[in-house]
Structure formats: C-alpha cells, structure tokens
C-alpha atoms as a PDB file:
ATOM      1  CA  MET A   1      -3.539 -11.621 -24.062  1.00  0.00           C
ATOM      2  CA  ALA A   2      -5.827  -9.830 -21.586  1.00  0.00           C
ATOM      3  CA  THR A   3      -7.659  -6.755 -22.418  1.00  0.00           C
ATOM      4  CA  TYR A   4      -7.099  -3.496 -20.463  1.00  0.00           C
ATOM      5  CA  LYS A   5     -10.350  -3.869 -18.752  1.00  0.00           C
ATOM      6  CA  GLU A   6      -9.501  -7.534 -17.581  1.00  0.00           C
ATOM      7  CA  GLN A   7      -6.237  -6.164 -16.249  1.00  0.00           C
ATOM      8  CA  GLN A   8      -7.693  -3.435 -14.285  1.00  0.00           C
ATOM      9  CA  GLN A   9     -10.230  -5.838 -12.504  1.00  0.00           C
ATOM     10  CA  ASN A  10      -7.573  -7.581 -10.594  1.00  0.00           C
ATOM     11  CA  LYS A  11      -5.443  -4.517  -9.825  1.00  0.00           C
ATOM     12  CA  ALA A  12      -4.965  -3.554  -6.181  1.00  0.00           C
ATOM     13  CA  TYR A  13      -3.902  -0.252  -4.710  1.00  0.00           C
ATOM     14  CA  TYR A  14      -2.416   0.523  -1.360  1.00  0.00           C
ATOM     15  CA  VAL A  15      -3.740   3.625   0.623  1.00  0.00           C
ATOM     16  CA  LEU A  16      -1.406   4.988   3.079  1.00  0.00           C
ATOM     17  CA  LEU A  17      -2.919   6.706   6.221  1.00  0.00           C
ATOM     18  CA  GLU A  18      -1.179   8.566   9.365  1.00  0.00           C
ATOM     19  CA  ASP A  19      -3.444   8.696  12.250  1.00  0.00           C
ATOM     20  CA  GLY A  20      -6.524   8.504   9.916  1.00  0.00           C
ATOM     21  CA  VAL A  21      -5.339  11.134   7.450  1.00  0.00           C
ATOM     22  CA  PRO A  22      -4.621   9.845   3.885  1.00  0.00           C
ATOM     23  CA  LEU A  23      -1.134  10.470   2.810  1.00  0.00           C
ATOM     24  CA  GLY A  24      -1.406   8.940  -0.689  1.00  0.00           C
ATOM     25  CA  THR A  25      -2.532   6.087  -2.898  1.00  0.00           C
ATOM     26  CA  PHE A  26       0.207   3.691  -4.330  1.00  0.00           C
ATOM     27  CA  GLY A  27       0.334   0.957  -6.867  1.00  0.00           C
ATOM     28  CA  ASN A  28       2.835  -0.885  -4.719  1.00  0.00           C
ATOM     29  CA  LEU A  29       4.418  -1.296  -1.217  1.00  0.00           C
ATOM     30  CA  LYS A  30       7.868  -0.309  -2.800  1.00  0.00           C
ATOM     31  CA  LYS A  31       6.569   3.179  -3.554  1.00  0.00           C
ATOM     32  CA  ILE A  32       5.343   3.583  -0.197  1.00  0.00           C
ATOM     33  CA  THR A  33       8.630   2.778   1.368  1.00  0.00           C
ATOM     34  CA  GLU A  34      10.299   5.220  -1.121  1.00  0.00           C
ATOM     35  CA  TYR A  35       7.890   7.908  -0.125  1.00  0.00           C
ATOM     36  CA  MET A  36       8.414   7.424   3.519  1.00  0.00           C
ATOM     37  CA  GLU A  37      12.060   7.294   3.342  1.00  0.00           C
ATOM     38  CA  GLY A  38      13.844   9.011   6.259  1.00  0.00           C
ATOM     39  CA  LYS A  39      10.833   8.531   8.631  1.00  0.00           C
ATOM     40  CA  ASP A  40      10.343   5.952  11.143  1.00  0.00           C
ATOM     41  CA  PHE A  41       8.815   3.375   8.864  1.00  0.00           C
ATOM     42  CA  PRO A  42       9.308  -0.367   8.155  1.00  0.00           C
ATOM     43  CA  SER A  43      11.317  -1.544   5.313  1.00  0.00           C
ATOM     44  CA  TYR A  44       9.816  -3.035   2.082  1.00  0.00           C
ATOM     45  CA  TRP A  45      10.926  -6.586   3.179  1.00  0.00           C
ATOM     46  CA  THR A  46       9.063  -6.153   6.564  1.00  0.00           C
ATOM     47  CA  LEU A  47       5.811  -5.049   4.810  1.00  0.00           C
ATOM     48  CA  VAL A  48       5.735  -7.866   2.253  1.00  0.00           C
ATOM     49  CA  ARG A  49       5.870 -10.613   5.033  1.00  0.00           C
ATOM     50  CA  LYS A  50       2.708  -9.163   6.784  1.00  0.00           C
ATOM     51  CA  GLU A  51      -0.481 -10.380   5.547  1.00  0.00           C
ATOM     52  CA  GLU A  52      -3.119  -8.575   7.702  1.00  0.00           C
ATOM     53  CA  ASN A  53      -5.244  -5.779   5.945  1.00  0.00           C
ATOM     54  CA  PRO A  54      -4.705  -3.080   7.121  1.00  0.00           C
ATOM     55  CA  LEU A  55      -0.947  -3.351   7.588  1.00  0.00           C
ATOM     56  CA  ILE A  56      -0.521  -1.524  10.945  1.00  0.00           C
ATOM     57  CA  CYS A  57       2.962   0.285  11.502  1.00  0.00           C
ATOM     58  CA  GLY A  58       2.775   2.466  14.468  1.00  0.00           C
ATOM     59  CA  VAL A  59       0.640   5.421  13.532  1.00  0.00           C
ATOM     60  CA  TYR A  60       0.621   4.482   9.928  1.00  0.00           C
ATOM     61  CA  ARG A  61      -1.896   2.048   8.452  1.00  0.00           C
ATOM     62  CA  ILE A  62      -1.757   0.580   4.847  1.00  0.00           C
ATOM     63  CA  TYR A  63      -5.087  -0.492   3.357  1.00  0.00           C
ATOM     64  CA  LYS A  64      -4.884  -2.866   0.224  1.00  0.00           C
ATOM     65  CA  VAL A  65      -7.955  -2.001  -1.991  1.00  0.00           C
ATOM     66  CA  LYS A  66      -9.262  -3.485  -5.246  1.00  0.00           C
ATOM     67  CA  HIS A  67     -10.045  -1.558  -8.329  1.00  0.00           C
ATOM     68  CA  HIS A  68     -13.675  -1.869  -9.405  1.00  0.00           C
END
C-alpha cells in the first residue's frame, strides 16, 4: 500500500484557462466538462482522446500539471 506522500507525487491536476484567464483547477477532465456544461465546449470523450498539452479548445486551454 502506498503512503499518502507517494500517492500525491504522481497526481496531476488540470488548469482551465479562457483567453489566458484561469477559470479553475480540477482533479480530472470529467469535472471540467461538468463545470462547462451549457457552454460551447467539447465533450469529455473528445478531450480524453487528445494527447497534446495544453489541450486547445477554441478560446479555452487545459494544462495538465503535476503536483510537486
């Protein structure tokens, strides 16, 4: 069983920006799509297929950052 510290070392967060303005930090892509519901934003299934960092979706950018 991994310790809490070991679990946190590999954890990644997603930072959502709109035109360079941070909208929030999320633990997974599903939470971002729920937050953006009702806006012109790609679905969760579209986002998980993309591999670039940052994910670019029109005026939105999603950066995947590692916890230190």
